[in-house]
PDB file of N, CA and C in Angstrom:
ATOM      1  N   MET A   1     123.751 146.235  87.449  1.00  0.00           N
ATOM      2  CA  MET A   1     123.640 147.346  86.826  1.00  0.00           C
ATOM      3  C   MET A   1     122.229 148.190  86.868  1.00  0.00           C
ATOM      4  N   SER A   2     122.182 149.359  87.186  1.00  0.00           N
ATOM      5  CA  SER A   2     120.882 149.890  87.251  1.00  0.00           C
ATOM      6  C   SER A   2     120.267 150.192  85.931  1.00  0.00           C
ATOM      7  N   LYS A   3     118.974 150.365  85.919  1.00  0.00           N
ATOM      8  CA  LYS A   3     118.323 150.562  84.600  1.00  0.00           C
ATOM      9  C   LYS A   3     118.865 151.819  83.952  1.00  0.00           C
ATOM     10  N   ALA A   4     119.097 152.964  84.836  1.00  0.00           N
ATOM     11  CA  ALA A   4     119.417 154.209  84.173  1.00  0.00           C
ATOM     12  C   ALA A   4     120.926 153.897  83.473  1.00  0.00           C
ATOM     13  N   PHE A   5     121.872 153.197  84.217  1.00  0.00           N
ATOM     14  CA  PHE A   5     123.117 152.963  83.579  1.00  0.00           C
ATOM     15  C   PHE A   5     122.993 152.221  82.405  1.00  0.00           C
ATOM     16  N   THR A   6     122.191 151.055  82.388  1.00  0.00           N
ATOM     17  CA  THR A   6     121.977 150.216  81.262  1.00  0.00           C
ATOM     18  C   THR A   6     121.437 151.091  80.166  1.00  0.00           C
ATOM     19  N   LYS A   7     120.581 151.891  80.393  1.00  0.00           N
ATOM     20  CA  LYS A   7     120.028 152.800  79.195  1.00  0.00           C
ATOM     21  C   LYS A   7     121.139 153.741  78.705  1.00  0.00           C
ATOM     22  N   LYS A   8     121.889 154.211  79.604  1.00  0.00           N
ATOM     23  CA  LYS A   8     123.184 154.996  79.207  1.00  0.00           C
ATOM     24  C   LYS A   8     124.009 154.220  78.244  1.00  0.00           C
ATOM     25  N   VAL A   9     124.241 152.992  78.530  1.00  0.00           N
ATOM     26  CA  VAL A   9     125.176 152.255  77.713  1.00  0.00           C
ATOM     27  C   VAL A   9     124.446 151.825  76.457  1.00  0.00           C
ATOM     28  N   PHE A  10     123.196 151.506  76.370  1.00  0.00           N
ATOM     29  CA  PHE A  10     122.523 151.292  75.142  1.00  0.00           C
ATOM     30  C   PHE A  10     122.480 152.609  74.343  1.00  0.00           C
ATOM     31  N   ASP A  11     122.226 153.681  74.899  1.00  0.00           N
ATOM     32  CA  ASP A  11     122.121 154.975  74.114  1.00  0.00           C
ATOM     33  C   ASP A  11     123.532 155.293  73.481  1.00  0.00           C
ATOM     34  N   TRP A  12     124.590 154.956  74.279  1.00  0.00           N
ATOM     35  CA  TRP A  12     125.869 155.307  73.780  1.00  0.00           C
ATOM     36  C   TRP A  12     126.299 154.325  72.618  1.00  0.00           C
ATOM     37  N   LEU A  13     125.893 153.016  72.781  1.00  0.00           N
ATOM     38  CA  LEU A  13     126.176 152.120  71.646  1.00  0.00           C
ATOM     39  C   LEU A  13     125.332 152.395  70.298  1.00  0.00           C
ATOM     40  N   HIS A  14     124.078 152.850  70.510  1.00  0.00           N
ATOM     41  CA  HIS A  14     123.375 153.326  69.369  1.00  0.00           C
ATOM     42  C   HIS A  14     123.992 154.602  68.701  1.00  0.00           C
ATOM     43  N   GLN A  15     124.435 155.464  69.556  1.00  0.00           N
ATOM     44  CA  GLN A  15     125.062 156.647  68.970  1.00  0.00           C
ATOM     45  C   GLN A  15     126.348 156.312  68.244  1.00  0.00           C
ATOM     46  N   VAL A  16     127.148 155.342  68.670  1.00  0.00           N
ATOM     47  CA  VAL A  16     128.339 155.056  68.202  1.00  0.00           C
ATOM     48  C   VAL A  16     127.923 154.316  66.708  1.00  0.00           C
ATOM     49  N   ASN A  17     127.117 153.444  66.781  1.00  0.00           N
ATOM     50  CA  ASN A  17     126.666 152.634  65.624  1.00  0.00           C
ATOM     51  C   ASN A  17     126.148 153.519  64.570  1.00  0.00           C
ATOM     52  N   ARG A  18     125.511 154.558  64.870  1.00  0.00           N
ATOM     53  CA  ARG A  18     124.810 155.454  63.787  1.00  0.00           C
ATOM     54  C   ARG A  18     125.863 156.406  63.234  1.00  0.00           C
ATOM     55  N   ASN A  19     126.975 156.444  63.736  1.00  0.00           N
ATOM     56  CA  ASN A  19     128.034 157.404  63.193  1.00  0.00           C
ATOM     57  C   ASN A  19     128.588 157.075  61.870  1.00  0.00           C
ATOM     58  N   LYS A  20     128.568 157.900  61.038  1.00  0.00           N
ATOM     59  CA  LYS A  20     129.183 157.770  59.612  1.00  0.00           C
ATOM     60  C   LYS A  20     130.656 157.776  59.646  1.00  0.00           C
ATOM     61  N   GLY A  21     131.400 157.042  58.899  1.00  0.00           N
ATOM     62  CA  GLY A  21     132.847 156.990  58.818  1.00  0.00           C
ATOM     63  C   GLY A  21     133.443 156.230  59.816  1.00  0.00           C
ATOM     64  N   MET A  22     132.888 155.278  60.357  1.00  0.00           N
ATOM     65  CA  MET A  22     133.509 154.452  61.348  1.00  0.00           C
ATOM     66  C   MET A  22     134.061 153.260  60.646  1.00  0.00           C
ATOM     67  N   HIS A  23     135.141 152.655  61.249  1.00  0.00           N
ATOM     68  CA  HIS A  23     135.742 151.571  60.657  1.00  0.00           C
ATOM     69  C   HIS A  23     135.072 150.330  61.050  1.00  0.00           C
ATOM     70  N   LYS A  24     135.254 149.121  60.405  1.00  0.00           N
ATOM     71  CA  LYS A  24     134.538 147.864  60.665  1.00  0.00           C
ATOM     72  C   LYS A  24     134.732 147.451  62.145  1.00  0.00           C
ATOM     73  N   PHE A  25     135.837 147.709  62.723  1.00  0.00           N
ATOM     74  CA  PHE A  25     136.189 147.308  64.083  1.00  0.00           C
ATOM     75  C   PHE A  25     135.594 148.311  65.232  1.00  0.00           C
ATOM     76  N   ASP A  26     135.492 149.427  64.802  1.00  0.00           N
ATOM     77  CA  ASP A  26     135.007 150.471  65.874  1.00  0.00           C
ATOM     78  C   ASP A  26     133.943 150.144  66.711  1.00  0.00           C
ATOM     79  N   ALA A  27     132.788 149.675  66.007  1.00  0.00           N
ATOM     80  CA  ALA A  27     131.572 149.256  66.835  1.00  0.00           C
ATOM     81  C   ALA A  27     131.879 148.125  67.635  1.00  0.00           C
ATOM     82  N   ALA A  28     132.692 146.970  67.162  1.00  0.00           N
ATOM     83  CA  ALA A  28     133.133 145.965  68.009  1.00  0.00           C
ATOM     84  C   ALA A  28     133.844 146.411  69.190  1.00  0.00           C
ATOM     85  N   VAL A  29     134.924 147.250  69.058  1.00  0.00           N
ATOM     86  CA  VAL A  29     135.507 147.761  70.127  1.00  0.00           C
ATOM     87  C   VAL A  29     134.683 148.454  71.228  1.00  0.00           C
ATOM     88  N   ALA A  30     133.728 149.302  70.711  1.00  0.00           N
ATOM     89  CA  ALA A  30     132.871 149.934  71.577  1.00  0.00           C
ATOM     90  C   ALA A  30     131.889 148.875  72.327  1.00  0.00           C
ATOM     91  N   LEU A  31     131.463 147.866  71.687  1.00  0.00           N
ATOM     92  CA  LEU A  31     130.660 146.887  72.207  1.00  0.00           C
ATOM     93  C   LEU A  31     131.415 146.137  73.389  1.00  0.00           C
ATOM     94  N   GLU A  32     132.572 145.848  73.098  1.00  0.00           N
ATOM     95  CA  GLU A  32     133.434 145.133  74.072  1.00  0.00           C
ATOM     96  C   GLU A  32     133.781 146.105  75.273  1.00  0.00           C
ATOM     97  N   LEU A  33     133.924 147.370  75.064  1.00  0.00           N
ATOM     98  CA  LEU A  33     134.141 148.215  76.109  1.00  0.00           C
ATOM     99  C   LEU A  33     132.937 148.183  77.080  1.00  0.00           C
ATOM    100  N   THR A  34     131.725 148.051  76.530  1.00  0.00           N
ATOM    101  CA  THR A  34     130.586 147.992  77.386  1.00  0.00           C
ATOM    102  C   THR A  34     130.585 146.998  78.622  1.00  0.00           C
ATOM    103  N   ASP A  35     131.455 145.886  78.336  1.00  0.00           N
ATOM    104  CA  ASP A  35     131.533 144.863  79.350  1.00  0.00           C
ATOM    105  C   ASP A  35     132.374 145.325  80.490  1.00  0.00           C
ATOM    106  N   TYR A  36     133.105 146.390  80.307  1.00  0.00           N
ATOM    107  CA  TYR A  36     134.003 146.891  81.420  1.00  0.00           C
ATOM    108  C   TYR A  36     133.525 148.222  82.021  1.00  0.00           C
ATOM    109  N   PHE A  37     132.658 149.005  81.343  1.00  0.00           N
ATOM    110  CA  PHE A  37     132.181 150.154  82.137  1.00  0.00           C
ATOM    111  C   PHE A  37     131.564 149.755  83.406  1.00  0.00           C
ATOM    112  N   ASN A  38     131.933 150.494  84.461  1.00  0.00           N
ATOM    113  CA  ASN A  38     131.601 150.166  85.883  1.00  0.00           C
ATOM    114  C   ASN A  38     130.843 151.430  86.404  1.00  0.00           C
ATOM    115  N   GLU A  39     129.585 151.154  86.619  1.00  0.00           N
ATOM    116  CA  GLU A  39     128.759 152.133  87.147  1.00  0.00           C
ATOM    117  C   GLU A  39     129.195 152.720  88.419  1.00  0.00           C
ATOM    118  N   ASP A  40     129.939 151.849  89.269  1.00  0.00           N
ATOM    119  CA  ASP A  40     130.388 152.375  90.553  1.00  0.00           C
ATOM    120  C   ASP A  40     131.798 152.830  90.605  1.00  0.00           C
ATOM    121  N   ALA A  41     132.384 152.884  89.508  1.00  0.00           N
ATOM    122  CA  ALA A  41     133.728 153.372  89.470  1.00  0.00           C
ATOM    123  C   ALA A  41     133.833 154.729  88.686  1.00  0.00           C
ATOM    124  N   GLU A  42     133.805 155.771  89.366  1.00  0.00           N
ATOM    125  CA  GLU A  42     134.012 157.115  88.849  1.00  0.00           C
ATOM    126  C   GLU A  42     133.091 157.380  87.532  1.00  0.00           C
ATOM    127  N   ASN A  43     131.833 157.250  87.774  1.00  0.00           N
ATOM    128  CA  ASN A  43     130.928 157.528  86.807  1.00  0.00           C
ATOM    129  C   ASN A  43     130.963 156.654  85.506  1.00  0.00           C
ATOM    130  N   GLY A  44     131.249 155.413  85.788  1.00  0.00           N
ATOM    131  CA  GLY A  44     131.206 154.463  84.626  1.00  0.00           C
ATOM    132  C   GLY A  44     132.489 154.088  83.995  1.00  0.00           C
ATOM    133  N   ARG A  45     133.642 154.312  84.582  1.00  0.00           N
ATOM    134  CA  ARG A  45     134.935 154.213  84.062  1.00  0.00           C
ATOM    135  C   ARG A  45     135.152 152.672  83.770  1.00  0.00           C
ATOM    136  N   ALA A  46     135.945 152.565  82.598  1.00  0.00           N
ATOM    137  CA  ALA A  46     136.445 151.195  82.423  1.00  0.00           C
ATOM    138  C   ALA A  46     137.796 151.214  82.140  1.00  0.00           C
ATOM    139  N   TRP A  47     138.684 150.228  82.293  1.00  0.00           N
ATOM    140  CA  TRP A  47     140.067 150.235  82.056  1.00  0.00           C
ATOM    141  C   TRP A  47     140.720 148.970  81.523  1.00  0.00           C
ATOM    142  N   PRO A  48     140.041 148.371  80.551  1.00  0.00           N
ATOM    143  CA  PRO A  48     140.661 147.203  79.970  1.00  0.00           C
ATOM    144  C   PRO A  48     141.947 147.531  79.020  1.00  0.00           C
ATOM    145  N   SER A  49     142.864 146.696  78.820  1.00  0.00           N
ATOM    146  CA  SER A  49     144.036 147.045  78.071  1.00  0.00           C
ATOM    147  C   SER A  49     143.777 146.855  76.661  1.00  0.00           C
ATOM    148  N   TYR A  50     144.417 147.297  75.646  1.00  0.00           N
ATOM    149  CA  TYR A  50     144.363 147.151  74.232  1.00  0.00           C
ATOM    150  C   TYR A  50     144.398 145.495  74.016  1.00  0.00           C
ATOM    151  N   ARG A  51     145.238 144.926  74.642  1.00  0.00           N
ATOM    152  CA  ARG A  51     145.333 143.407  74.439  1.00  0.00           C
ATOM    153  C   ARG A  51     144.034 142.699  74.831  1.00  0.00           C
ATOM    154  N   THR A  52     143.564 143.092  76.040  1.00  0.00           N
ATOM    155  CA  THR A  52     142.342 142.427  76.588  1.00  0.00           C
ATOM    156  C   THR A  52     141.191 142.585  75.391  1.00  0.00           C
ATOM    157  N   ILE A  53     140.882 143.835  74.977  1.00  0.00           N
ATOM    158  CA  ILE A  53     139.910 144.089  74.049  1.00  0.00           C
ATOM    159  C   ILE A  53     140.235 143.407  72.847  1.00  0.00           C
ATOM    160  N   GLY A  54     141.481 143.480  72.357  1.00  0.00           N
ATOM    161  CA  GLY A  54     141.836 142.819  70.982  1.00  0.00           C
ATOM    162  C   GLY A  54     141.609 141.274  71.070  1.00  0.00           C
ATOM    163  N   ASN A  55     141.956 140.809  72.214  1.00  0.00           N
ATOM    164  CA  ASN A  55     141.801 139.218  72.359  1.00  0.00           C
ATOM    165  C   ASN A  55     140.405 138.779  72.325  1.00  0.00           C
ATOM    166  N   ALA A  56     139.620 139.555  72.963  1.00  0.00           N
ATOM    167  CA  ALA A  56     138.035 139.295  72.978  1.00  0.00           C
ATOM    168  C   ALA A  56     137.523 139.335  71.761  1.00  0.00           C
ATOM    169  N   ILE A  57     137.823 140.309  70.885  1.00  0.00           N
ATOM    170  CA  ILE A  57     137.161 140.387  69.421  1.00  0.00           C
ATOM    171  C   ILE A  57     138.105 139.925  68.386  1.00  0.00           C
ATOM    172  N   HIS A  58     139.204 139.376  68.716  1.00  0.00           N
ATOM    173  CA  HIS A  58     140.134 138.642  67.766  1.00  0.00           C
ATOM    174  C   HIS A  58     140.568 139.712  66.688  1.00  0.00           C
ATOM    175  N   VAL A  59     141.147 140.754  67.175  1.00  0.00           N
ATOM    176  CA  VAL A  59     141.764 141.705  66.240  1.00  0.00           C
ATOM    177  C   VAL A  59     143.128 142.103  66.984  1.00  0.00           C
ATOM    178  N   PRO A  60     144.140 142.669  66.227  1.00  0.00           N
ATOM    179  CA  PRO A  60     145.387 143.084  66.728  1.00  0.00           C
ATOM    180  C   PRO A  60     145.256 144.251  67.601  1.00  0.00           C
ATOM    181  N   GLU A  61     146.147 144.367  68.633  1.00  0.00           N
ATOM    182  CA  GLU A  61     146.124 145.504  69.519  1.00  0.00           C
ATOM    183  C   GLU A  61     146.204 146.852  68.667  1.00  0.00           C
ATOM    184  N   LYS A  62     146.983 146.834  67.681  1.00  0.00           N
ATOM    185  CA  LYS A  62     147.028 148.061  66.755  1.00  0.00           C
ATOM    186  C   LYS A  62     145.748 148.536  66.313  1.00  0.00           C
ATOM    187  N   SER A  63     144.881 147.479  65.841  1.00  0.00           N
ATOM    188  CA  SER A  63     143.449 147.892  65.368  1.00  0.00           C
ATOM    189  C   SER A  63     142.684 148.428  66.600  1.00  0.00           C
ATOM    190  N   VAL A  64     142.830 147.880  67.575  1.00  0.00           N
ATOM    191  CA  VAL A  64     142.114 148.332  68.783  1.00  0.00           C
ATOM    192  C   VAL A  64     142.591 149.834  69.030  1.00  0.00           C
ATOM    193  N   ARG A  65     143.739 150.087  69.152  1.00  0.00           N
ATOM    194  CA  ARG A  65     144.350 151.460  69.325  1.00  0.00           C
ATOM    195  C   ARG A  65     143.770 152.361  68.400  1.00  0.00           C
ATOM    196  N   ARG A  66     143.794 151.940  67.114  1.00  0.00           N
ATOM    197  CA  ARG A  66     143.274 152.938  66.010  1.00  0.00           C
ATOM    198  C   ARG A  66     141.598 153.182  66.171  1.00  0.00           C
ATOM    199  N   SER A  67     140.980 152.141  66.612  1.00  0.00           N
ATOM    200  CA  SER A  67     139.569 152.229  66.807  1.00  0.00           C
ATOM    201  C   SER A  67     139.301 153.183  68.094  1.00  0.00           C
ATOM    202  N   ILE A  68     140.066 153.061  68.998  1.00  0.00           N
ATOM    203  CA  ILE A  68     139.973 153.959  70.270  1.00  0.00           C
ATOM    204  C   ILE A  68     140.228 155.474  69.882  1.00  0.00           C
ATOM    205  N   GLU A  69     141.302 155.530  69.082  1.00  0.00           N
ATOM    206  CA  GLU A  69     141.491 157.009  68.613  1.00  0.00           C
ATOM    207  C   GLU A  69     140.360 157.459  67.713  1.00  0.00           C
ATOM    208  N   ARG A  70     139.806 156.749  66.957  1.00  0.00           N
ATOM    209  CA  ARG A  70     138.733 157.214  66.075  1.00  0.00           C
ATOM    210  C   ARG A  70     137.489 157.518  67.016  1.00  0.00           C
ATOM    211  N   LEU A  71     137.168 156.698  67.964  1.00  0.00           N
ATOM    212  CA  LEU A  71     136.110 157.027  68.932  1.00  0.00           C
ATOM    213  C   LEU A  71     136.298 158.364  69.762  1.00  0.00           C
ATOM    214  N   ILE A  72     137.575 158.495  70.000  1.00  0.00           N
ATOM    215  CA  ILE A  72     137.957 159.730  70.712  1.00  0.00           C
ATOM    216  C   ILE A  72     137.698 160.970  69.746  1.00  0.00           C
ATOM    217  N   ALA A  73     138.170 160.810  68.614  1.00  0.00           N
ATOM    218  CA  ALA A  73     138.157 161.932  67.487  1.00  0.00           C
ATOM    219  C   ALA A  73     136.679 162.188  67.243  1.00  0.00           C
ATOM    220  N   LEU A  74     135.898 161.092  67.329  1.00  0.00           N
ATOM    221  CA  LEU A  74     134.465 161.427  66.820  1.00  0.00           C
ATOM    222  C   LEU A  74     133.682 161.784  68.112  1.00  0.00           C
ATOM    223  N   GLY A  75     134.342 162.013  69.318  1.00  0.00           N
ATOM    224  CA  GLY A  75     133.559 162.580  70.481  1.00  0.00           C
ATOM    225  C   GLY A  75     132.747 161.572  71.189  1.00  0.00           C
ATOM    226  N   HIS A  76     133.090 160.182  70.887  1.00  0.00           N
ATOM    227  CA  HIS A  76     132.215 159.144  71.773  1.00  0.00           C
ATOM    228  C   HIS A  76     132.935 158.641  72.952  1.00  0.00           C
ATOM    229  N   LEU A  77     134.144 158.928  73.234  1.00  0.00           N
ATOM    230  CA  LEU A  77     134.928 158.341  74.309  1.00  0.00           C
ATOM    231  C   LEU A  77     135.998 159.422  74.836  1.00  0.00           C
ATOM    232  N   HIS A  78     135.982 159.451  76.145  1.00  0.00           N
ATOM    233  CA  HIS A  78     136.906 160.292  76.925  1.00  0.00           C
ATOM    234  C   HIS A  78     138.003 159.198  77.428  1.00  0.00           C
ATOM    235  N   VAL A  79     139.354 159.523  77.222  1.00  0.00           N
ATOM    236  CA  VAL A  79     140.363 158.517  77.500  1.00  0.00           C
ATOM    237  C   VAL A  79     141.385 159.285  78.432  1.00  0.00           C
ATOM    238  N   VAL A  80     141.798 158.752  79.449  1.00  0.00           N
ATOM    239  CA  VAL A  80     142.916 159.129  80.317  1.00  0.00           C
ATOM    240  C   VAL A  80     144.064 158.150  79.964  1.00  0.00           C
ATOM    241  N   LYS A  81     145.103 158.393  79.408  1.00  0.00           N
ATOM    242  CA  LYS A  81     146.090 157.463  79.118  1.00  0.00           C
ATOM    243  C   LYS A  81     146.909 156.955  80.297  1.00  0.00           C
ATOM    244  N   GLY A  82     147.028 155.714  80.315  1.00  0.00           N
ATOM    245  CA  GLY A  82     147.899 155.123  81.459  1.00  0.00           C
ATOM    246  C   GLY A  82     149.334 155.313  81.297  1.00  0.00           C
ATOM    247  N   ARG A  83     150.127 155.025  82.312  1.00  0.00           N
ATOM    248  CA  ARG A  83     151.570 155.105  82.149  1.00  0.00           C
ATOM    249  C   ARG A  83     152.029 153.699  81.390  1.00  0.00           C
ATOM    250  N   GLN A  84     153.330 153.869  80.942  1.00  0.00           N
ATOM    251  CA  GLN A  84     153.888 152.667  80.314  1.00  0.00           C
ATOM    252  C   GLN A  84     153.981 151.548  81.394  1.00  0.00           C
ATOM    253  N   GLY A  85     153.825 150.254  80.972  1.00  0.00           N
ATOM    254  CA  GLY A  85     154.116 149.206  81.828  1.00  0.00           C
ATOM    255  C   GLY A  85     152.834 148.504  82.228  1.00  0.00           C
ATOM    256  N   ARG A  86     152.999 147.359  82.711  1.00  0.00           N
ATOM    257  CA  ARG A  86     151.947 146.485  83.086  1.00  0.00           C
ATOM    258  C   ARG A  86     151.202 146.981  84.436  1.00  0.00           C
ATOM    259  N   GLY A  87     149.783 147.101  84.238  1.00  0.00           N
ATOM    260  CA  GLY A  87     149.080 147.474  85.346  1.00  0.00           C
ATOM    261  C   GLY A  87     148.700 148.821  85.383  1.00  0.00           C
ATOM    262  N   TYR A  88     149.096 149.671  84.183  1.00  0.00           N
ATOM    263  CA  TYR A  88     148.749 150.963  84.075  1.00  0.00           C
ATOM    264  C   TYR A  88     147.846 151.267  82.733  1.00  0.00           C
ATOM    265  N   SER A  89     146.720 150.426  82.585  1.00  0.00           N
ATOM    266  CA  SER A  89     145.830 150.633  81.455  1.00  0.00           C
ATOM    267  C   SER A  89     145.254 152.001  81.354  1.00  0.00           C
ATOM    268  N   ASN A  90     144.816 152.316  80.186  1.00  0.00           N
ATOM    269  CA  ASN A  90     144.025 153.630  79.830  1.00  0.00           C
ATOM    270  C   ASN A  90     142.758 153.386  80.667  1.00  0.00           C
ATOM    271  N   GLN A  91     142.271 154.567  81.012  1.00  0.00           N
ATOM    272  CA  GLN A  91     140.846 154.611  81.563  1.00  0.00           C
ATOM    273  C   GLN A  91     139.972 155.341  80.508  1.00  0.00           C
ATOM    274  N   TYR A  92     138.816 154.780  80.359  1.00  0.00           N
ATOM    275  CA  TYR A  92     137.748 155.105  79.440  1.00  0.00           C
ATOM    276  C   TYR A  92     136.422 155.445  80.026  1.00  0.00           C
ATOM    277  N   TRP A  93     135.806 156.492  79.396  1.00  0.00           N
ATOM    278  CA  TRP A  93     134.402 156.916  79.829  1.00  0.00           C
ATOM    279  C   TRP A  93     133.667 157.088  78.476  1.00  0.00           C
ATOM    280  N   MET A  94     132.430 156.761  78.593  1.00  0.00           N
ATOM    281  CA  MET A  94     131.337 156.978  77.470  1.00  0.00           C
ATOM    282  C   MET A  94     131.150 158.525  77.309  1.00  0.00           C
ATOM    283  N   ILE A  95     130.945 159.047  76.158  1.00  0.00           N
ATOM    284  CA  ILE A  95     130.613 160.419  76.050  1.00  0.00           C
ATOM    285  C   ILE A  95     129.164 160.326  75.281  1.00  0.00           C
ATOM    286  N   LEU A  96     128.099 160.635  75.940  1.00  0.00           N
ATOM    287  CA  LEU A  96     126.799 160.756  75.235  1.00  0.00           C
ATOM    288  C   LEU A  96     126.629 162.312  74.753  1.00  0.00           C
ATOM    289  N   LYS A  97     126.392 162.288  73.492  1.00  0.00           N
ATOM    290  CA  LYS A  97     126.193 163.533  72.952  1.00  0.00           C
ATOM    291  C   LYS A  97     124.707 163.973  72.973  1.00  0.00           C
ATOM    292  N   PRO A  98     124.284 165.198  73.008  1.00  0.00           N
ATOM    293  CA  PRO A  98     122.939 165.645  73.232  1.00  0.00           C
ATOM    294  C   PRO A  98     122.103 165.131  71.881  1.00  0.00           C
ATOM    295  N   SER A  99     120.875 164.833  72.113  1.00  0.00           N
ATOM    296  CA  SER A  99     120.139 164.354  70.964  1.00  0.00           C
ATOM    297  C   SER A  99     119.807 165.408  70.022  1.00  0.00           C
TER     298      SER A  99
END
């Protein structure tokens, strides 16, 4: 990972962490997503399933889904929904807000 991309990831995590009104799982979901953001894939795209994220942080998929929805609503995450079925996970991108 380049220094610039690493900085972007840390800036995004700080932005998420400092947001008021976050649920206790939201920061954990955001942190887990950082393991999957890929600098070389379409400007940092990640594509883990709700199950993958949930298993990693020991929370139900439903809680992950709600956290993702809050991260979207708060402007921290851009998501392109995948199709139904195995192998069609959502695609995620960090959104860095201006300072």
